Amino acid sequence: MAASIALLSLGIVWVASGAVGPAMDGAVRGVGGFVSSVGSAVSSPEPTSAPAIADAPTVVAPLEAYTNDDVVDVTVHVPSNVAGADGYTVRLWVALKDQDPQIAQEVPVGPTSVLVIAEVELEKGRNDMQASIVGPGGESELSPVASWILDQSRPSIKISSPKDNASTSKTAVTVKGKTQANSTVRVRNDLTGASVTVVAGKDGLFEARIGIESGINTLNVTSTDPAGNPNAEVLTIRRGSGSMQVTLTGSAYRFTAKKLPRRVTLTVVVSGPDGRRVAGATALFTVTVPGLEAIVSTERPTDRSGVATFTTSIPRGALAGSGLASVLVTTPEYGQLTDRQVLTVK
């Protein structure tokens, strides 16, 4: 090597002086080729290109954004070309209101293109989630946003009509009110066991029509918001005429004079203004037919069903014509009321 360098130096001097012989020229060319080959041998090879950055994954949005669970499982669809590949991870980003996205979790890609990231914690309010693929080539773009809204508050319920403890003679009422938008509203009548379900509008308004029966109807109004939080109100409606009702009926209304005597039973049903049967009312029955003295009962109390009865006999001697069966009902709460039925003797 040293000899070659010396020879090269000498050749350079000769070239400079213009005296270059054939032998020296060949030697110089040989050394030059040698130096070139050495340079090629020790130079760095061309760098291999880094793997391409993967396409962005997809975060599967929930069917219902609202939830009252403070942890959720997030499903991510990973590009098929990196599924099962070593060195790749899925990075889950979460952004809260007026805040920059933060890394919530980072997990390796799975063997398939579907990856479930379990128990991701939510903060109260809106949680916007995005995902990216991180690999040897860097980080992919972020996926489109999928949102979860953590709501653990009970929805408000305001019933505008009917008023609590209202009375009506109708067979059904329409419950109107306002609650959280898109909430499911269920109205159940405890007296009848019937129920009806509606969905509140985007403005939170709802209407639910439900049947009622005579007496006190307790209506349970339950609102369940889209996150699954329930709230309830109770409404009492009384069905009745607004005044006491007395109804008299008889086992017979027409009689034949030749076939007397004949037994007859009179029955009275007493209902209060709320439509409920009145127990303990006093009923006094009177029967009058042509040709006979009036038949008057003793005072008869109504039973738990609001019913009192009186059985008597229409005796012989009655004349053809029209008579009356009547009842006078007295209550300490609602005063007195009567009812009558026409009796006919032929």
Protein backbone atom coordinates (compact mmCIF):
# COMPACT_ATOMS: atom_id res chain seq x y z
CA MET A 1 0.00 0.00 0.00
CA ALA A 2 2.83 2.36 0.95
CA ALA A 3 4.59 1.57 -2.33
CA SER A 4 1.46 2.35 -4.23
CA ILE A 5 1.07 5.67 -2.49
CA ALA A 6 4.73 6.53 -3.23
CA LEU A 7 4.31 5.58 -6.84
CA LEU A 8 1.14 7.66 -7.03
CA SER A 9 2.99 10.67 -5.62
CA LEU A 10 5.73 10.28 -8.14
CA GLY A 11 3.24 9.98 -10.93
CA ILE A 12 1.53 13.19 -9.85
CA VAL A 13 4.89 15.00 -10.03
CA TRP A 14 5.55 13.65 -13.50
CA VAL A 15 2.08 14.56 -14.65
CA ALA A 16 2.60 18.06 -13.36
CA SER A 17 5.84 18.33 -15.33
CA GLY A 18 4.22 16.84 -18.41
CA ALA A 19 6.47 13.79 -18.43
CA VAL A 20 4.11 10.86 -18.02
CA GLY A 21 5.30 7.54 -19.31
CA PRO A 22 3.10 4.65 -20.34
CA ALA A 23 4.11 2.57 -17.36
CA MET A 24 3.44 5.32 -14.91
CA ASP A 25 0.18 6.16 -16.56
CA GLY A 26 -1.01 2.59 -16.12
CA ALA A 27 0.13 2.57 -12.54
CA VAL A 28 -1.72 5.77 -11.77
CA ARG A 29 -4.86 4.40 -13.38
CA GLY A 30 -4.54 1.21 -11.35
CA VAL A 31 -4.20 3.05 -8.09
CA GLY A 32 -7.13 5.26 -8.96
CA GLY A 33 -9.31 2.24 -9.56
CA PHE A 34 -8.19 0.77 -6.29
CA VAL A 35 -9.04 3.92 -4.35
CA SER A 36 -12.43 4.07 -6.04
CA SER A 37 -13.21 0.48 -5.13
CA VAL A 38 -12.14 1.08 -1.53
CA GLY A 39 -14.41 4.11 -1.33
CA SER A 40 -17.30 2.10 -2.69
CA ALA A 41 -16.66 -0.64 -0.14
CA VAL A 42 -16.67 1.64 2.93
CA SER A 43 -19.54 3.99 1.90
CA SER A 44 -23.04 3.64 3.67
CA PRO A 45 -25.68 1.57 1.87
CA GLU A 46 -28.93 3.17 0.70
CA PRO A 47 -31.38 3.39 3.72
CA THR A 48 -34.44 1.11 3.55
CA SER A 49 -37.76 3.02 3.49
CA ALA A 50 -39.89 3.04 6.69
CA PRO A 51 -43.18 1.12 6.60
CA ALA A 52 -46.08 3.16 5.33
CA ILE A 53 -48.34 4.84 7.93
CA ALA A 54 -51.56 2.87 8.28
CA ASP A 55 -54.95 4.19 7.33
CA ALA A 56 -57.04 5.66 10.15
CA PRO A 57 -59.18 3.18 12.13
CA THR A 58 -62.90 3.65 12.83
CA VAL A 59 -64.52 4.06 16.25
CA VAL A 60 -67.99 2.45 16.26
CA ALA A 61 -70.52 5.00 17.50
CA PRO A 62 -73.08 3.81 20.10
CA LEU A 63 -76.68 3.29 19.05
CA GLU A 64 -77.64 5.76 21.80
CA ALA A 65 -75.11 8.44 22.69
CA TYR A 66 -76.63 9.04 26.15
CA THR A 67 -75.68 6.66 28.94
CA ASN A 68 -75.68 6.62 32.73
CA ASP A 69 -72.74 4.17 32.92
CA ASP A 70 -69.46 5.86 33.75
CA VAL A 71 -67.42 3.20 31.91
CA VAL A 72 -68.05 1.85 28.41
CA ASP A 73 -66.50 -0.66 26.04
CA VAL A 74 -65.33 1.00 22.82
CA THR A 75 -65.19 -1.00 19.58
CA VAL A 76 -62.58 0.02 17.00
CA HIS A 77 -62.33 -1.29 13.44
CA VAL A 78 -58.65 -1.64 12.55
CA PRO A 79 -57.43 -1.54 8.91
CA SER A 80 -57.09 -5.12 7.67
CA ASN A 81 -53.50 -4.60 6.52
CA VAL A 82 -52.29 -4.07 10.10
CA ALA A 83 -54.61 -6.48 11.93
CA GLY A 84 -52.45 -9.05 13.71
CA ALA A 85 -49.22 -7.23 12.78
CA ASP A 86 -46.44 -6.79 15.33
CA GLY A 87 -45.39 -3.31 16.33
CA TYR A 88 -48.78 -1.64 15.82
CA THR A 89 -51.06 -0.20 18.49
CA VAL A 90 -54.39 1.54 18.63
CA ARG A 91 -54.33 4.85 20.45
CA LEU A 92 -57.69 6.04 21.81
CA TRP A 93 -58.17 9.78 22.21
CA VAL A 94 -60.91 11.45 24.28
CA ALA A 95 -61.86 15.12 24.08
CA LEU A 96 -64.10 16.81 26.65
CA LYS A 97 -65.96 20.06 26.16
CA ASP A 98 -63.60 22.97 25.42
CA GLN A 99 -60.54 20.73 25.92
CA ASP A 100 -57.92 19.26 23.61
CA PRO A 101 -57.98 15.49 23.01
CA GLN A 102 -56.06 13.38 25.50
CA ILE A 103 -54.84 9.79 25.22
CA ALA A 104 -57.21 7.56 27.18
CA GLN A 105 -55.71 4.15 26.35
CA GLU A 106 -53.25 2.55 23.97
CA VAL A 107 -53.45 -1.17 23.23
CA PRO A 108 -51.83 -3.51 20.69
CA VAL A 109 -53.83 -4.37 17.60
CA GLY A 110 -55.56 -7.72 17.84
CA PRO A 111 -55.56 -10.70 15.50
CA THR A 112 -58.69 -9.45 13.72
CA SER A 113 -59.85 -6.11 12.42
CA VAL A 114 -62.32 -5.73 15.32
CA LEU A 115 -60.77 -4.53 18.56
CA VAL A 116 -62.72 -3.91 21.79
CA ILE A 117 -61.14 -1.52 24.28
CA ALA A 118 -62.77 -2.36 27.62
CA GLU A 119 -63.81 -0.09 30.48
CA VAL A 120 -63.05 3.31 29.05
CA GLU A 121 -63.92 5.87 31.72
CA LEU A 122 -66.33 8.67 30.88
CA GLU A 123 -66.55 12.13 32.34
CA LYS A 124 -69.85 13.92 32.95
CA GLY A 125 -71.19 15.41 29.75
CA ARG A 126 -70.00 14.84 26.20
CA ASN A 127 -67.02 12.55 25.53
CA ASP A 128 -65.78 12.73 21.91
CA MET A 129 -63.61 9.74 21.01
CA GLN A 130 -61.20 9.21 18.13
CA ALA A 131 -58.58 6.55 17.42
CA SER A 132 -55.32 6.34 15.52
CA ILE A 133 -52.90 3.58 14.49
CA VAL A 134 -49.34 3.89 15.77
CA GLY A 135 -46.66 1.81 14.05
CA PRO A 136 -43.06 1.83 12.77
CA GLY A 137 -44.00 4.38 10.13
CA GLY A 138 -45.51 6.83 12.62
CA GLU A 139 -49.09 7.66 13.60
CA SER A 140 -52.09 7.65 11.28
CA GLU A 141 -54.69 10.34 10.97
CA LEU A 142 -57.38 10.40 13.66
CA SER A 143 -60.64 8.59 12.97
CA PRO A 144 -63.99 10.41 12.72
CA VAL A 145 -65.50 11.36 16.09
CA ALA A 146 -67.84 9.00 17.97
CA SER A 147 -69.55 10.51 21.02
CA TRP A 148 -70.80 9.25 24.38
CA ILE A 149 -72.75 11.54 26.72
CA LEU A 150 -72.63 10.65 30.41
CA ASP A 151 -75.93 11.70 32.02
CA GLN A 152 -76.74 10.52 35.54
CA SER A 153 -79.39 13.12 36.41
CA ARG A 154 -83.10 12.34 36.73
CA PRO A 155 -85.29 13.98 34.08
CA SER A 156 -87.71 16.61 35.31
CA ILE A 157 -91.47 16.01 34.91
CA LYS A 158 -94.00 18.83 34.83
CA ILE A 159 -97.65 17.80 34.36
CA SER A 160 -99.75 20.62 32.95
CA SER A 161 -103.11 18.81 32.82
CA PRO A 162 -105.23 17.46 34.31
CA LYS A 163 -104.71 18.98 37.73
CA ASP A 164 -104.05 16.69 40.67
CA ASN A 165 -107.25 15.67 42.52
CA ALA A 166 -109.42 16.88 39.64
CA SER A 167 -112.85 15.29 39.05
CA THR A 168 -114.34 14.31 35.73
CA SER A 169 -117.32 12.42 34.40
CA LYS A 170 -115.40 11.26 31.29
CA THR A 171 -114.18 7.73 30.73
CA ALA A 172 -110.62 8.81 29.80
CA VAL A 173 -108.20 11.66 30.42
CA THR A 174 -105.24 12.99 28.45
CA VAL A 175 -102.15 13.55 30.57
CA LYS A 176 -100.08 16.41 29.17
CA GLY A 177 -96.72 17.65 30.35
CA LYS A 178 -93.07 18.28 29.68
CA THR A 179 -89.93 16.29 30.43
CA GLN A 180 -86.46 15.79 28.93
CA ALA A 181 -86.45 15.58 25.15
CA ASN A 182 -86.88 12.10 23.65
CA SER A 183 -87.66 10.54 27.03
CA THR A 184 -90.00 7.54 27.24
CA VAL A 185 -93.11 8.42 29.26
CA ARG A 186 -95.33 5.70 30.77
CA VAL A 187 -98.67 6.39 32.45
CA ARG A 188 -100.18 3.60 34.55
CA ASN A 189 -103.61 3.60 36.21
CA ASP A 190 -103.34 1.71 39.49
CA LEU A 191 -107.12 1.33 39.70
CA THR A 192 -107.47 -0.49 36.38
CA GLY A 193 -103.94 -1.81 35.85
CA ALA A 194 -103.90 -0.28 32.35
CA SER A 195 -100.89 1.62 31.04
CA VAL A 196 -99.87 3.62 27.97
CA THR A 197 -96.39 4.59 26.74
CA VAL A 198 -95.37 7.54 24.56
CA VAL A 199 -92.11 9.27 23.60
CA ALA A 200 -91.61 12.95 24.37
CA GLY A 201 -90.80 15.18 21.43
CA LYS A 202 -87.61 17.10 20.79
CA ASP A 203 -89.13 19.92 22.84
CA GLY A 204 -89.88 17.51 25.71
CA LEU A 205 -93.68 17.81 25.37
CA PHE A 206 -95.82 14.67 25.69
CA GLU A 207 -99.48 13.61 25.66
CA ALA A 208 -100.81 10.26 26.88
CA ARG A 209 -104.50 9.33 26.88
CA ILE A 210 -105.61 6.68 29.36
CA GLY A 211 -108.97 5.27 30.47
CA ILE A 212 -110.33 5.78 33.99
CA GLU A 213 -113.10 4.15 36.02
CA SER A 214 -115.50 5.38 38.66
CA GLY A 215 -113.74 6.25 41.86
CA ILE A 216 -110.23 7.46 42.59
CA ASN A 217 -107.77 6.74 39.77
CA THR A 218 -104.11 6.97 40.79
CA LEU A 219 -101.99 7.66 37.73
CA ASN A 220 -98.27 6.96 37.97
CA VAL A 221 -96.37 9.02 35.38
CA THR A 222 -92.80 7.77 34.80
CA SER A 223 -90.26 9.43 32.51
CA THR A 224 -87.07 7.59 31.51
CA ASP A 225 -84.53 9.74 29.68
CA PRO A 226 -82.34 8.48 26.79
CA ALA A 227 -79.55 7.68 29.27
CA GLY A 228 -81.86 5.38 31.26
CA ASN A 229 -82.44 7.67 34.26
CA PRO A 230 -86.04 7.45 35.60
CA ASN A 231 -88.24 9.91 37.46
CA ALA A 232 -91.89 9.70 38.47
CA GLU A 233 -94.89 11.81 39.48
CA VAL A 234 -98.27 10.69 40.84
CA LEU A 235 -101.56 12.17 39.70
CA THR A 236 -104.98 11.47 41.26
CA ILE A 237 -108.16 11.77 39.19
CA ARG A 238 -111.68 11.19 40.48
CA ARG A 239 -114.27 9.97 38.07
CA GLY A 240 -117.83 10.90 38.98
CA SER A 241 -120.64 13.34 38.17
CA GLY A 242 -119.50 15.85 40.74
CA SER A 243 -122.53 15.16 42.96
CA MET A 244 -123.98 12.22 44.87
CA GLN A 245 -125.79 9.64 42.73
CA VAL A 246 -128.73 7.49 43.94
CA THR A 247 -130.12 4.74 41.71
CA LEU A 248 -133.25 2.77 42.66
CA THR A 249 -134.21 -0.50 40.95
CA GLY A 250 -136.94 -3.09 41.65
CA SER A 251 -137.35 -6.79 41.09
CA ALA A 252 -140.75 -6.01 39.47
CA TYR A 253 -142.58 -2.89 38.32
CA ARG A 254 -145.89 -4.30 36.96
CA PHE A 255 -148.44 -6.26 38.96
CA THR A 256 -151.82 -7.92 38.32
CA ALA A 257 -154.45 -7.24 40.97
CA LYS A 258 -155.89 -10.74 40.73
CA LYS A 259 -152.46 -12.30 41.44
CA LEU A 260 -151.68 -10.31 44.56
CA PRO A 261 -150.06 -10.55 47.02
CA ARG A 262 -146.62 -10.47 45.39
CA ARG A 263 -143.19 -9.89 46.87
CA VAL A 264 -140.95 -7.15 45.51
CA THR A 265 -137.39 -6.22 46.38
CA LEU A 266 -136.14 -2.67 46.00
CA THR A 267 -132.40 -1.97 45.74
CA VAL A 268 -130.61 1.38 45.96
CA VAL A 269 -126.97 2.06 44.94
CA VAL A 270 -125.33 5.21 46.35
CA SER A 271 -122.21 6.81 44.80
CA GLY A 272 -120.36 9.90 45.99
CA PRO A 273 -119.28 12.89 43.85
CA ASP A 274 -116.00 11.10 43.14
CA GLY A 275 -117.81 8.08 41.74
CA ARG A 276 -116.95 5.84 44.68
CA ARG A 277 -119.66 3.85 46.42
CA VAL A 278 -120.80 5.35 49.72
CA ALA A 279 -121.03 3.01 52.71
CA GLY A 280 -123.04 3.94 55.77
CA ALA A 281 -125.62 6.13 54.03
CA THR A 282 -129.21 5.89 55.34
CA ALA A 283 -131.93 4.72 52.92
CA LEU A 284 -135.67 5.01 53.61
CA PHE A 285 -137.95 3.17 51.13
CA THR A 286 -141.62 3.96 50.42
CA VAL A 287 -144.11 2.02 48.28
CA THR A 288 -147.47 3.48 47.28
CA VAL A 289 -150.10 1.83 45.05
CA PRO A 290 -153.73 2.81 44.45
CA GLY A 291 -156.20 1.55 47.09
CA LEU A 292 -153.58 0.78 49.79
CA GLU A 293 -151.79 2.67 52.50
CA ALA A 294 -148.19 3.57 51.89
CA ILE A 295 -145.63 0.97 52.85
CA VAL A 296 -142.61 2.56 54.59
CA SER A 297 -139.41 0.70 55.53
CA THR A 298 -137.22 1.20 58.48
CA GLU A 299 -133.96 3.04 57.83
CA ARG A 300 -131.53 0.78 55.98
CA PRO A 301 -127.76 1.50 55.92
CA THR A 302 -125.78 1.01 52.75
CA ASP A 303 -123.08 -1.66 52.92
CA ARG A 304 -119.43 -1.44 51.79
CA SER A 305 -120.61 -1.60 48.19
CA GLY A 306 -122.93 1.39 48.70
CA VAL A 307 -125.99 -0.86 48.42
CA ALA A 308 -129.15 -1.12 50.57
CA THR A 309 -132.24 -3.31 49.94
CA PHE A 310 -135.85 -3.53 51.14
CA THR A 311 -138.17 -6.45 50.49
CA THR A 312 -141.93 -6.13 50.96
CA SER A 313 -145.19 -7.54 49.62
CA ILE A 314 -147.83 -5.82 47.55
CA PRO A 315 -151.01 -7.07 49.31
CA ARG A 316 -154.42 -7.85 47.94
CA GLY A 317 -156.82 -4.97 47.60
CA ALA A 318 -154.68 -2.84 45.34
CA LEU A 319 -156.58 -1.08 42.61
CA ALA A 320 -155.56 -0.75 39.00
CA GLY A 321 -153.51 2.33 38.36
CA SER A 322 -150.03 3.77 38.82
CA GLY A 323 -148.08 3.96 42.02
CA LEU A 324 -144.49 4.78 43.08
CA ALA A 325 -141.53 3.12 44.70
CA SER A 326 -139.19 5.75 46.11
CA VAL A 327 -136.10 6.01 48.29
CA LEU A 328 -134.70 8.87 50.32
CA VAL A 329 -130.95 8.66 50.92
CA THR A 330 -129.24 10.75 53.59
CA THR A 331 -125.48 11.16 54.11
CA PRO A 332 -123.58 13.47 56.47
CA GLU A 333 -121.10 14.39 53.71
CA TYR A 334 -123.36 14.97 50.71
CA GLY A 335 -126.83 15.67 52.11
CA GLN A 336 -130.05 14.04 50.84
CA LEU A 337 -131.16 12.73 47.47
CA THR A 338 -134.12 10.69 46.21
CA ASP A 339 -134.92 8.40 43.31
CA ARG A 340 -138.24 6.91 42.12
CA GLN A 341 -139.62 4.13 39.94
CA VAL A 342 -143.18 3.86 38.64
CA LEU A 343 -145.24 0.82 39.74
CA THR A 344 -148.26 -0.23 37.70
CA VAL A 345 -151.21 -2.37 38.86
CA LYS A 346 -153.46 -3.85 36.18
